[in-house]
Amino acid sequence: MQLFEIILFSVICVCAVVMLYYRFINPEPAQQDPEPVALDYARSFFPVLLLVFLLRGFVAEPFRIPSGSMLSNLEVGDFILVNKFSYGVRLPILHKKVLDMNEPDRGDIVVFRYPPQPSLNYIKRLIGVPGDVIRYDERRKQLYVNGKKVEKTATGTYLPYGESEESLTFDQTIARTDGTKVKFPILNANGRYVRRTSISGTWVVPEGHYFVMGDNRDNSADSRSPAFTFVPDENIVGKAFFIWMHYGFGGDGFEPSRIGTNITAVEVEAAN
């Protein structure tokens, strides 16, 4: 996605240079009929490309879900929208925050630039904010935040597309920093086949960083894995909130029932 932004910005700059050239340096050809082809294309594409760049950079950006780490809330092939200004306004390409707004909170689904390879975008559930102590017991499949058990309630089973074994489904409830509680669906493996991407451990989230986990708890490379632990604030891209289309290339194809699905966590208890 970052490469696309750079290419888009480069094309916008080329269009601007062409228009300025024929406006101030060599205006005579612009008075002819027909006008130069380069100027015609630049005038046509510049406003459209600029609008796309501004919308993607400051308002909302589309992403496609490539893996099952967020099942069952997000399926492979979901196309989602990410709110780019939920956590403040950042400059496109530079990713420099110029205006603070809300802070990422527990229960949010966040898109972020993968710390070991920032050109890749990852999507996970935010579990820990700066200062939190996170503990995960892989054997019991139990999460703890600041010494308190994060409750989960069994809801049934789920069979991911293309899989042969069902997973156990739960609604997990987590407390946000303002005291409200939200719930969201998670999966735990049920059977012999488990991709051992999660490990037991205790982590203290440093200032300016976040701890993230996949909703598909036993099949997610996230902050529990050695590849990366914490997500720096400057790597946060935005908050995922909406599925606008689903198409599984080489899989389940077009699925209209997914369109319009709200994927934000549901508030279950207000602050006291």
Protein backbone atom coordinates (compact mmCIF):
# COMPACT_ATOMS: atom_id res chain seq x y z
CA MET A 1 0.00 0.00 0.00
CA GLN A 2 2.85 2.38 0.73
CA LEU A 3 4.24 1.77 -2.77
CA PHE A 4 0.82 2.61 -4.24
CA GLU A 5 0.80 5.89 -2.29
CA ILE A 6 4.24 6.79 -3.61
CA ILE A 7 3.28 6.01 -7.20
CA LEU A 8 0.00 7.93 -6.89
CA PHE A 9 1.77 10.95 -5.39
CA SER A 10 4.41 10.82 -8.12
CA VAL A 11 1.78 10.85 -10.88
CA ILE A 12 0.03 13.80 -9.20
CA CYS A 13 3.33 15.69 -9.11
CA VAL A 14 3.95 14.97 -12.81
CA CYS A 15 0.47 16.29 -13.69
CA ALA A 16 1.10 19.41 -11.63
CA VAL A 17 4.47 20.02 -13.31
CA VAL A 18 2.91 19.65 -16.78
CA MET A 19 0.14 22.15 -15.97
CA LEU A 20 2.59 24.65 -14.46
CA TYR A 21 4.90 24.31 -17.45
CA TYR A 22 2.16 25.20 -19.94
CA ARG A 23 0.80 27.90 -17.65
CA PHE A 24 3.98 29.86 -16.86
CA ILE A 25 6.96 28.61 -18.91
CA ASN A 26 5.51 27.80 -22.34
CA PRO A 27 1.91 29.09 -22.44
CA GLU A 28 1.55 29.43 -26.23
CA PRO A 29 0.72 25.75 -27.00
CA ALA A 30 -2.01 25.86 -24.36
CA GLN A 31 -3.81 28.54 -26.45
CA GLN A 32 -3.94 26.32 -29.53
CA ASP A 33 -6.79 24.06 -30.56
CA PRO A 34 -6.34 21.26 -29.91
CA GLU A 35 -4.15 21.83 -26.85
CA PRO A 36 -1.16 19.53 -26.18
CA VAL A 37 -2.10 15.96 -25.32
CA ALA A 38 0.06 16.02 -22.18
CA LEU A 39 -1.77 19.08 -20.88
CA ASP A 40 -5.16 17.57 -21.69
CA TYR A 41 -4.36 14.40 -19.75
CA ALA A 42 -2.83 16.32 -16.85
CA ARG A 43 -5.91 18.53 -16.46
CA SER A 44 -8.22 15.52 -16.64
CA PHE A 45 -6.39 13.27 -14.19
CA PHE A 46 -5.02 15.77 -11.67
CA PRO A 47 -8.24 16.55 -9.72
CA VAL A 48 -9.36 12.91 -9.68
CA LEU A 49 -6.00 11.57 -8.51
CA LEU A 50 -5.63 14.33 -5.94
CA LEU A 51 -9.06 13.52 -4.50
CA VAL A 52 -8.20 9.80 -4.30
CA PHE A 53 -4.89 10.61 -2.62
CA LEU A 54 -6.50 12.87 -0.01
CA LEU A 55 -9.31 10.41 0.75
CA ARG A 56 -6.89 7.48 1.11
CA GLY A 57 -4.41 9.50 3.08
CA PHE A 58 -6.69 11.25 5.55
CA VAL A 59 -10.16 9.68 5.54
CA ALA A 60 -10.44 5.97 4.73
CA GLU A 61 -8.37 3.35 2.96
CA PRO A 62 -9.45 -0.05 1.61
CA PHE A 63 -7.61 -3.25 2.53
CA ARG A 64 -8.12 -6.90 1.66
CA ILE A 65 -7.85 -9.65 4.30
CA PRO A 66 -5.21 -12.14 3.05
CA SER A 67 -5.15 -14.68 5.91
CA GLY A 68 -7.34 -16.33 8.53
CA SER A 69 -5.68 -14.81 11.61
CA MET A 70 -8.83 -12.77 12.40
CA LEU A 71 -11.44 -15.48 11.88
CA SER A 72 -14.31 -15.62 12.45
CA ASN A 73 -14.81 -11.86 12.55
CA LEU A 74 -12.81 -11.30 9.35
CA GLU A 75 -12.70 -13.92 6.62
CA VAL A 76 -10.11 -14.39 3.91
CA GLY A 77 -11.27 -12.27 0.96
CA ASP A 78 -13.05 -9.58 2.99
CA PHE A 79 -12.42 -6.07 1.70
CA ILE A 80 -12.50 -3.65 4.62
CA LEU A 81 -12.40 0.08 5.17
CA VAL A 82 -9.96 1.57 7.65
CA ASN A 83 -10.63 4.89 9.34
CA LYS A 84 -7.42 6.89 8.89
CA PHE A 85 -8.24 9.70 11.33
CA SER A 86 -9.56 7.74 14.33
CA TYR A 87 -6.21 8.00 16.08
CA GLY A 88 -5.09 11.35 14.70
CA VAL A 89 -4.12 12.85 11.38
CA ARG A 90 -0.91 11.57 9.80
CA LEU A 91 0.83 12.76 6.66
CA PRO A 92 0.61 10.23 3.83
CA ILE A 93 3.88 8.49 2.89
CA LEU A 94 5.78 10.16 5.77
CA HIS A 95 3.39 8.74 8.42
CA LYS A 96 4.13 11.75 10.62
CA LYS A 97 1.32 12.55 13.06
CA VAL A 98 0.31 16.22 12.83
CA LEU A 99 -2.88 16.14 14.92
CA ASP A 100 -3.67 14.01 17.96
CA MET A 101 -7.18 12.67 18.41
CA ASN A 102 -8.29 9.42 20.08
CA GLU A 103 -5.79 6.84 21.26
CA PRO A 104 -6.01 3.19 20.18
CA ASP A 105 -7.85 1.18 22.83
CA ARG A 106 -8.34 -2.41 23.89
CA GLY A 107 -10.79 -4.21 21.63
CA ASP A 108 -10.10 -2.12 18.53
CA ILE A 109 -9.21 -3.85 15.27
CA VAL A 110 -6.14 -2.00 14.04
CA VAL A 111 -4.21 -2.03 10.79
CA PHE A 112 -0.51 -1.37 11.27
CA ARG A 113 2.75 -1.51 9.40
CA TYR A 114 4.48 -4.77 10.35
CA PRO A 115 7.46 -3.74 12.56
CA PRO A 116 10.09 -6.06 10.98
CA GLN A 117 8.95 -5.08 7.45
CA PRO A 118 7.03 -1.76 7.41
CA SER A 119 6.07 -2.13 3.75
CA LEU A 120 3.61 -4.87 4.84
CA ASN A 121 0.29 -4.10 6.50
CA TYR A 122 -1.04 -6.39 9.24
CA ILE A 123 -4.43 -6.43 10.95
CA LYS A 124 -4.98 -7.61 14.53
CA ARG A 125 -7.01 -6.98 17.68
CA LEU A 126 -5.49 -4.48 20.10
CA ILE A 127 -5.19 -6.10 23.52
CA GLY A 128 -2.66 -4.04 25.48
CA VAL A 129 -2.01 -0.30 25.74
CA PRO A 130 1.12 1.35 27.17
CA GLY A 131 1.75 0.23 30.75
CA ASP A 132 -0.41 -2.91 30.58
CA VAL A 133 0.88 -6.25 31.80
CA ILE A 134 -0.27 -8.96 29.40
CA ARG A 135 -0.11 -12.65 30.25
CA TYR A 136 -1.18 -15.52 28.03
CA ASP A 137 -1.46 -19.16 29.12
CA GLU A 138 -1.28 -21.11 25.88
CA ARG A 139 -2.16 -24.45 27.47
CA ARG A 140 -5.37 -23.11 29.02
CA LYS A 141 -5.98 -20.66 26.16
CA GLN A 142 -6.41 -17.93 28.75
CA LEU A 143 -5.60 -14.23 28.47
CA TYR A 144 -4.90 -11.92 31.42
CA VAL A 145 -4.63 -8.12 31.37
CA ASN A 146 -3.12 -6.42 34.41
CA GLY A 147 -3.58 -9.56 36.48
CA LYS A 148 -7.27 -9.96 35.64
CA LYS A 149 -8.65 -12.85 33.62
CA VAL A 150 -10.19 -11.72 30.34
CA GLU A 151 -13.46 -13.64 30.34
CA LYS A 152 -14.74 -15.62 27.38
CA THR A 153 -18.05 -17.40 26.89
CA ALA A 154 -18.44 -20.44 24.66
CA THR A 155 -20.81 -19.88 21.73
CA GLY A 156 -20.40 -22.99 19.58
CA THR A 157 -18.17 -24.08 16.72
CA TYR A 158 -17.01 -22.66 13.41
CA LEU A 159 -15.66 -24.38 10.30
CA PRO A 160 -13.37 -22.08 8.29
CA TYR A 161 -13.65 -22.31 4.52
CA GLY A 162 -11.32 -25.02 3.22
CA GLU A 163 -10.59 -26.51 6.65
CA SER A 164 -11.50 -30.01 7.77
CA GLU A 165 -11.73 -29.41 11.52
CA GLU A 166 -14.08 -27.07 13.36
CA SER A 167 -12.79 -24.49 15.81
CA LEU A 168 -14.40 -23.58 19.10
CA THR A 169 -16.02 -20.14 19.15
CA PHE A 170 -16.20 -17.73 22.09
CA ASP A 171 -17.32 -14.21 22.85
CA GLN A 172 -14.50 -12.49 24.71
CA THR A 173 -15.11 -9.42 26.86
CA ILE A 174 -12.36 -6.89 27.54
CA ALA A 175 -12.30 -3.65 29.52
CA ARG A 176 -11.35 -0.46 27.70
CA THR A 177 -9.33 2.30 29.33
CA ASP A 178 -12.46 4.36 30.09
CA GLY A 179 -14.08 1.51 32.05
CA THR A 180 -16.50 0.37 29.36
CA LYS A 181 -16.47 -3.28 28.32
CA VAL A 182 -16.72 -4.58 24.78
CA LYS A 183 -17.05 -8.09 23.37
CA PHE A 184 -15.87 -9.70 20.16
CA PRO A 185 -15.67 -13.24 18.73
CA ILE A 186 -12.53 -15.38 18.99
CA LEU A 187 -11.59 -18.91 17.93
CA ASN A 188 -9.63 -21.62 19.71
CA ALA A 189 -8.42 -24.74 17.95
CA ASN A 190 -10.41 -27.91 18.59
CA GLY A 191 -8.38 -30.96 17.61
CA ARG A 192 -4.91 -32.13 16.72
CA TYR A 193 -4.09 -29.57 14.02
CA VAL A 194 -2.78 -26.33 15.51
CA ARG A 195 -0.28 -23.92 13.95
CA ARG A 196 1.85 -23.21 17.00
CA THR A 197 2.14 -19.48 16.49
CA SER A 198 1.08 -18.57 20.03
CA ILE A 199 3.19 -19.07 23.13
CA SER A 200 2.77 -18.59 26.85
CA GLY A 201 4.40 -15.55 28.35
CA THR A 202 4.13 -12.27 30.21
CA TRP A 203 4.77 -8.94 28.52
CA VAL A 204 4.86 -5.35 29.84
CA VAL A 205 3.78 -2.92 27.12
CA PRO A 206 6.26 -0.02 26.88
CA GLU A 207 5.32 3.62 26.39
CA GLY A 208 4.34 4.45 22.84
CA HIS A 209 3.64 0.82 21.90
CA TYR A 210 0.74 -1.64 21.75
CA PHE A 211 0.20 -5.38 22.17
CA VAL A 212 -1.93 -7.09 19.51
CA MET A 213 -3.41 -10.56 18.99
CA GLY A 214 -5.36 -12.30 16.25
CA ASP A 215 -8.94 -13.36 16.99
CA ASN A 216 -8.01 -16.80 15.63
CA ARG A 217 -5.92 -17.30 18.73
CA ASP A 218 -4.06 -20.49 17.83
CA ASN A 219 -3.37 -19.49 14.23
CA SER A 220 -2.05 -15.95 14.37
CA ALA A 221 1.46 -14.53 14.20
CA ASP A 222 1.15 -11.59 16.57
CA SER A 223 2.67 -10.01 19.68
CA ARG A 224 3.02 -13.43 21.34
CA SER A 225 5.39 -14.65 18.64
CA PRO A 226 9.14 -13.89 18.53
CA ALA A 227 8.87 -12.22 15.10
CA PHE A 228 7.64 -9.01 16.70
CA THR A 229 6.32 -8.16 20.14
CA PHE A 230 5.03 -4.61 20.32
CA VAL A 231 3.62 -2.29 17.66
CA PRO A 232 5.02 1.27 17.82
CA ASP A 233 2.44 4.04 17.72
CA GLU A 234 4.01 5.45 14.55
CA ASN A 235 3.24 2.16 12.77
CA ILE A 236 -0.52 2.41 13.36
CA VAL A 237 -2.38 3.00 10.09
CA GLY A 238 -5.97 3.20 11.36
CA LYS A 239 -9.01 1.49 12.82
CA ALA A 240 -10.88 -1.13 10.77
CA PHE A 241 -14.65 -0.74 10.99
CA PHE A 242 -16.55 -1.98 7.93
CA ILE A 243 -16.64 -4.74 5.28
CA TRP A 244 -17.58 -3.29 1.89
CA MET A 245 -17.09 -6.39 -0.23
CA HIS A 246 -16.04 -10.04 -0.11
CA TYR A 247 -14.36 -11.99 -2.85
CA GLY A 248 -12.19 -15.02 -2.17
CA PHE A 249 -9.83 -15.40 -5.12
CA GLY A 250 -9.44 -19.14 -5.68
CA GLY A 251 -11.75 -19.76 -2.74
CA ASP A 252 -15.39 -19.06 -1.98
CA GLY A 253 -15.74 -16.29 -4.58
CA PHE A 254 -18.21 -13.43 -4.21
CA GLU A 255 -20.25 -13.48 -1.01
CA PRO A 256 -22.86 -10.68 -0.87
CA SER A 257 -23.93 -11.48 2.70
CA ARG A 258 -20.61 -10.08 3.96
CA ILE A 259 -21.23 -6.65 2.44
CA GLY A 260 -22.02 -3.98 5.02
CA THR A 261 -20.85 -5.98 8.04
CA ASN A 262 -19.81 -3.81 10.99
CA ILE A 263 -16.67 -5.34 12.54
CA THR A 264 -16.20 -3.09 15.56
CA ALA A 265 -16.41 -4.58 19.04
CA VAL A 266 -19.84 -4.38 20.69
CA GLU A 267 -20.22 -2.46 23.96
CA VAL A 268 -21.74 -4.66 26.64
CA GLU A 269 -21.23 -2.62 29.80
CA ALA A 270 -20.92 1.12 30.32
CA ALA A 271 -18.42 2.74 32.67
CA ASN A 272 -19.52 3.19 36.26
